[in-house]
């Protein structure tokens, strides 16, 4: 008898702890206080924004299930393969780069890629059919109103430092005067339009006369770029950024459509706010 009572009390205690941890319920799916705090840390946002983001994500997952949207393992593999290729890496080197930079295992990376592809398919099914491509006049007008968005360097002059030893290369980056004959160097001019977008973004964010962070080189080694100079683009025109402008306009239109869609969905959905993060 005592055992039954104790077991019942134990079960009730566990249930109370679980309920106490629930912050929001979206269509029967719980979002816990732990989920919110974790999102705050990952995304560097406050509790209100983290809660809103998790509710949106829960609504998206519900829509994905209701619409029967699926992503295969081969879809995930192809996306990883393309991303690795854009960065001049093998798939194994790309896995290592992600693990070193974000701490994600290959399994965790595949999960995130799958979530990304599911969201993309969902967005396509909701928004793309109702969005018209911009006209030539729309493209030119957008360019004139947002010139600062469509300027980038034409090239970077950089010294590339390479090593098989990440720690050794980091020592050199931290102390440029360090004598390190085991670290290879090569000066190159890197045209903006001929390098991977990810690398271009990294170089663009790096100040002249300073090093980039240490990154994998795709050959089981590591490298860092010392930026000597940056050549600026001259006389940029709407035509030279046409594809980028089209993508930007379409992206903004898509976000507007999706924002409206999920706002209506959120208004009509069964969402219960139980408690907030203190």
Protein backbone atom coordinates (compact mmCIF):
# COMPACT_ATOMS: atom_id res chain seq x y z
CA UNK A 1 0.00 0.00 0.00
CA UNK A 2 2.78 2.39 0.97
CA UNK A 3 4.61 1.51 -2.25
CA UNK A 4 1.56 2.42 -4.29
CA UNK A 5 1.16 5.73 -2.49
CA UNK A 6 4.84 6.54 -2.89
CA UNK A 7 4.74 5.63 -6.59
CA UNK A 8 1.70 7.82 -7.09
CA UNK A 9 3.30 10.75 -5.28
CA UNK A 10 6.47 10.30 -7.35
CA UNK A 11 4.47 10.31 -10.59
CA UNK A 12 2.54 13.41 -9.51
CA UNK A 13 5.79 15.16 -8.63
CA UNK A 14 7.28 14.37 -12.03
CA UNK A 15 4.12 15.54 -13.76
CA UNK A 16 4.16 18.78 -11.76
CA UNK A 17 7.77 19.40 -12.76
CA UNK A 18 6.92 18.83 -16.42
CA UNK A 19 3.89 21.14 -16.28
CA UNK A 20 5.89 23.77 -14.38
CA UNK A 21 8.44 23.73 -17.21
CA UNK A 22 5.87 24.44 -19.96
CA UNK A 23 5.68 28.08 -21.03
CA UNK A 24 3.52 27.99 -24.19
CA UNK A 25 1.36 25.35 -25.85
CA UNK A 26 0.90 25.67 -29.62
CA UNK A 27 -1.69 23.34 -31.15
CA UNK A 28 -1.03 20.84 -28.39
CA UNK A 29 2.78 21.07 -28.68
CA UNK A 30 4.64 22.38 -25.63
CA UNK A 31 7.34 25.04 -25.65
CA UNK A 32 9.25 24.88 -22.37
CA UNK A 33 11.08 27.52 -20.37
CA UNK A 34 14.26 25.63 -21.21
CA UNK A 35 13.48 25.92 -24.95
CA UNK A 36 13.06 29.68 -24.61
CA UNK A 37 16.23 30.19 -22.56
CA UNK A 38 18.21 28.05 -24.99
CA UNK A 39 16.94 30.07 -27.98
CA UNK A 40 17.84 33.29 -26.15
CA UNK A 41 21.42 32.06 -25.78
CA UNK A 42 21.74 30.73 -29.34
CA UNK A 43 20.15 33.70 -31.12
CA UNK A 44 21.24 36.40 -28.63
CA UNK A 45 17.71 37.75 -28.27
CA UNK A 46 15.42 38.54 -25.35
CA UNK A 47 12.72 36.24 -23.97
CA UNK A 48 9.87 37.92 -25.89
CA UNK A 49 11.58 37.53 -29.26
CA UNK A 50 12.69 33.97 -28.45
CA UNK A 51 9.13 33.02 -27.50
CA UNK A 52 7.74 34.57 -30.69
CA UNK A 53 10.35 32.76 -32.79
CA UNK A 54 9.55 29.39 -31.19
CA UNK A 55 5.81 29.91 -31.67
CA UNK A 56 6.40 30.73 -35.36
CA UNK A 57 8.58 27.61 -35.66
CA UNK A 58 5.89 25.47 -34.02
CA UNK A 59 3.25 26.83 -36.41
CA UNK A 60 5.56 26.10 -39.35
CA UNK A 61 6.10 22.51 -38.17
CA UNK A 62 2.34 22.04 -37.84
CA UNK A 63 1.83 23.39 -41.38
CA UNK A 64 4.57 21.11 -42.74
CA UNK A 65 2.83 18.09 -41.24
CA UNK A 66 -0.63 19.14 -42.39
CA UNK A 67 0.61 19.74 -45.96
CA UNK A 68 2.54 16.45 -46.03
CA UNK A 69 5.81 18.17 -46.97
CA UNK A 70 8.82 15.86 -46.89
CA UNK A 71 12.60 16.06 -47.39
CA UNK A 72 14.61 12.96 -48.26
CA UNK A 73 18.10 12.02 -47.08
CA UNK A 74 19.35 12.53 -50.64
CA UNK A 75 17.95 16.11 -50.61
CA UNK A 76 19.93 16.82 -47.44
CA UNK A 77 23.09 15.24 -48.88
CA UNK A 78 22.84 17.27 -52.11
CA UNK A 79 22.46 20.51 -50.17
CA UNK A 80 25.53 19.71 -48.05
CA UNK A 81 27.46 18.70 -51.17
CA UNK A 82 26.63 21.99 -52.93
CA UNK A 83 27.55 24.09 -49.90
CA UNK A 84 30.85 22.24 -49.49
CA UNK A 85 31.56 22.70 -53.22
CA UNK A 86 30.90 26.45 -53.08
CA UNK A 87 33.54 26.66 -50.37
CA UNK A 88 36.04 24.49 -52.25
CA UNK A 89 35.81 21.69 -49.69
CA UNK A 90 35.18 17.98 -49.69
CA UNK A 91 32.15 16.88 -47.67
CA UNK A 92 34.33 15.48 -44.88
CA UNK A 93 36.30 18.76 -44.71
CA UNK A 94 33.01 20.69 -44.60
CA UNK A 95 31.78 18.55 -41.68
CA UNK A 96 35.03 19.30 -39.87
CA UNK A 97 34.73 23.02 -40.58
CA UNK A 98 31.19 23.12 -39.17
CA UNK A 99 32.25 21.12 -36.13
CA UNK A 100 35.17 23.47 -35.46
CA UNK A 101 33.20 26.68 -35.98
CA UNK A 102 29.77 25.81 -34.55
CA UNK A 103 30.36 22.66 -32.53
CA UNK A 104 27.77 20.74 -34.58
CA UNK A 105 28.24 17.05 -35.30
CA UNK A 106 27.44 15.73 -38.79
CA UNK A 107 24.15 14.32 -37.43
CA UNK A 108 23.17 17.69 -35.93
CA UNK A 109 24.13 19.48 -39.14
CA UNK A 110 21.98 17.12 -41.23
CA UNK A 111 19.05 17.77 -38.88
CA UNK A 112 19.41 21.54 -39.29
CA UNK A 113 19.75 21.22 -43.09
CA UNK A 114 16.61 19.09 -43.16
CA UNK A 115 14.71 21.70 -41.11
CA UNK A 116 15.93 24.44 -43.47
CA UNK A 117 14.80 22.51 -46.59
CA UNK A 118 11.41 21.73 -45.05
CA UNK A 119 10.91 25.43 -44.31
CA UNK A 120 11.94 26.37 -47.85
CA UNK A 121 9.40 23.95 -49.33
CA UNK A 122 6.73 25.29 -47.00
CA UNK A 123 7.52 28.89 -47.93
CA UNK A 124 7.41 27.98 -51.61
CA UNK A 125 3.99 26.38 -51.28
CA UNK A 126 2.63 29.42 -49.42
CA UNK A 127 4.25 32.38 -51.12
CA UNK A 128 5.81 31.81 -54.51
CA UNK A 129 2.58 31.32 -56.44
CA UNK A 130 1.37 34.76 -55.35
CA UNK A 131 4.58 36.71 -56.02
CA UNK A 132 5.35 38.31 -59.37
CA UNK A 133 8.97 38.99 -60.44
CA UNK A 134 9.98 42.67 -60.45
CA UNK A 135 9.90 44.67 -63.68
CA UNK A 136 12.96 46.46 -65.11
CA UNK A 137 11.65 49.73 -63.68
CA UNK A 138 11.21 48.10 -60.26
CA UNK A 139 14.83 46.90 -60.38
CA UNK A 140 16.22 50.33 -61.31
CA UNK A 141 14.08 52.11 -58.71
CA UNK A 142 15.13 49.69 -55.98
CA UNK A 143 18.78 50.15 -56.90
CA UNK A 144 18.55 53.96 -56.75
CA UNK A 145 16.82 53.85 -53.36
CA UNK A 146 19.23 51.30 -51.89
CA UNK A 147 22.60 51.99 -53.49
CA UNK A 148 24.42 51.35 -50.20
CA UNK A 149 23.19 47.73 -50.24
CA UNK A 150 24.70 47.03 -53.64
CA UNK A 151 28.28 48.09 -53.31
CA UNK A 152 31.11 45.72 -52.59
CA UNK A 153 34.88 45.57 -53.14
CA UNK A 154 36.08 44.52 -56.57
CA UNK A 155 39.03 42.59 -55.12
CA UNK A 156 41.13 41.88 -52.04
CA UNK A 157 44.91 41.72 -51.88
CA UNK A 158 45.71 39.24 -49.14
CA UNK A 159 48.52 37.11 -47.76
CA UNK A 160 47.24 33.59 -47.18
CA UNK A 161 48.78 31.84 -44.18
CA UNK A 162 48.43 28.03 -44.25
CA UNK A 163 49.28 25.24 -41.84
CA UNK A 164 48.25 21.68 -41.01
CA UNK A 165 48.29 22.68 -37.34
CA UNK A 166 45.37 24.87 -36.30
CA UNK A 167 46.89 25.87 -32.95
CA UNK A 168 50.20 26.80 -34.56
CA UNK A 169 48.44 29.00 -37.12
CA UNK A 170 46.38 30.64 -34.39
CA UNK A 171 49.64 31.49 -32.59
CA UNK A 172 50.83 33.28 -35.72
CA UNK A 173 47.55 35.19 -36.06
CA UNK A 174 47.74 36.25 -32.41
CA UNK A 175 51.39 37.23 -32.74
CA UNK A 176 52.28 38.27 -36.35
CA UNK A 177 55.93 38.81 -35.37
CA UNK A 178 56.28 35.15 -34.42
CA UNK A 179 58.96 33.36 -36.44
CA UNK A 180 57.15 30.39 -37.97
CA UNK A 181 58.95 28.81 -40.97
CA UNK A 182 56.54 25.85 -40.79
CA UNK A 183 53.64 28.12 -41.84
CA UNK A 184 53.31 28.68 -45.59
CA UNK A 185 52.47 32.12 -46.99
CA UNK A 186 51.26 33.22 -50.40
CA UNK A 187 50.14 36.64 -51.58
CA UNK A 188 47.16 36.73 -53.93
CA UNK A 189 44.67 39.13 -55.46
CA UNK A 190 41.20 37.68 -54.87
CA UNK A 191 38.47 39.07 -57.20
CA UNK A 192 35.18 39.44 -55.33
CA UNK A 193 33.15 37.79 -58.09
CA UNK A 194 35.43 34.75 -58.38
CA UNK A 195 35.52 33.55 -54.78
CA UNK A 196 32.90 31.73 -52.70
CA UNK A 197 30.20 34.05 -51.28
CA UNK A 198 31.03 32.88 -47.75
CA UNK A 199 34.71 33.75 -48.20
CA UNK A 200 33.85 37.09 -49.82
CA UNK A 201 31.67 37.94 -46.82
CA UNK A 202 34.45 36.99 -44.40
CA UNK A 203 37.04 39.11 -46.23
CA UNK A 204 34.66 42.05 -46.55
CA UNK A 205 34.12 42.09 -42.79
CA UNK A 206 37.86 42.04 -42.07
CA UNK A 207 39.69 45.35 -41.67
CA UNK A 208 42.78 46.17 -43.71
CA UNK A 209 46.04 45.15 -41.99
CA UNK A 210 44.35 42.45 -39.93
CA UNK A 211 43.77 38.70 -40.06
CA UNK A 212 40.58 36.77 -40.63
CA UNK A 213 39.70 34.00 -38.21
CA UNK A 214 41.38 30.65 -38.81
CA UNK A 215 39.26 28.50 -41.14
CA UNK A 216 39.66 25.05 -42.77
CA UNK A 217 41.29 25.12 -46.21
CA UNK A 218 39.44 22.10 -47.60
CA UNK A 219 42.66 20.06 -47.72
CA UNK A 220 42.74 18.81 -44.14
CA UNK A 221 44.59 21.96 -43.11
CA UNK A 222 43.83 25.51 -42.02
CA UNK A 223 44.33 29.04 -43.28
CA UNK A 224 43.93 32.69 -42.37
CA UNK A 225 43.90 35.73 -44.67
CA UNK A 226 45.87 38.88 -43.85
CA UNK A 227 44.18 41.74 -45.72
CA UNK A 228 46.75 44.09 -47.27
CA UNK A 229 44.37 46.22 -49.32
CA UNK A 230 40.83 46.36 -50.71
CA UNK A 231 39.99 47.63 -54.18
CA UNK A 232 36.62 49.38 -54.28
CA UNK A 233 34.04 49.01 -57.06
CA UNK A 234 33.70 51.98 -59.38
CA UNK A 235 30.61 53.12 -61.31
CA UNK A 236 28.30 50.34 -60.17
CA UNK A 237 24.97 50.12 -62.02
CA UNK A 238 21.65 48.37 -61.55
CA UNK A 239 22.56 45.94 -64.36
CA UNK A 240 25.72 44.82 -62.58
CA UNK A 241 23.64 43.83 -59.54
CA UNK A 242 20.49 42.76 -61.39
CA UNK A 243 20.31 39.17 -60.11
CA UNK A 244 21.09 40.26 -56.57
CA UNK A 245 18.41 42.97 -56.71
CA UNK A 246 15.82 40.54 -58.07
CA UNK A 247 16.64 38.05 -55.29
CA UNK A 248 16.40 40.80 -52.68
CA UNK A 249 13.06 42.11 -53.93
CA UNK A 250 11.62 38.60 -54.18
CA UNK A 251 12.89 37.80 -50.70
CA UNK A 252 11.29 40.94 -49.24
CA UNK A 253 7.99 40.19 -50.99
CA UNK A 254 8.10 36.60 -49.77
CA UNK A 255 8.75 37.69 -46.18
CA UNK A 256 5.81 40.10 -46.38
CA UNK A 257 3.48 37.36 -47.64
CA UNK A 258 4.75 34.86 -45.08
CA UNK A 259 4.52 37.42 -42.28
CA UNK A 260 0.88 38.09 -43.09
CA UNK A 261 0.12 34.38 -43.47
CA UNK A 262 1.61 33.36 -40.12
CA UNK A 263 0.11 36.40 -38.37
CA UNK A 264 -3.35 35.20 -39.45
CA UNK A 265 -2.44 31.63 -38.56
CA UNK A 266 -1.23 32.70 -35.13
CA UNK A 267 -4.39 34.74 -34.54
CA UNK A 268 -6.61 31.73 -35.29
CA UNK A 269 -4.42 28.98 -33.79
CA UNK A 270 -4.91 27.33 -30.41
CA UNK A 271 -2.06 28.95 -28.45
CA UNK A 272 -1.96 28.95 -24.65
CA UNK A 273 0.50 31.17 -22.79
CA UNK A 274 1.10 29.50 -19.42
CA UNK A 275 4.07 31.44 -18.01
CA UNK A 276 6.91 33.72 -19.05
CA UNK A 277 10.65 33.57 -18.53
CA UNK A 278 11.66 35.55 -15.46
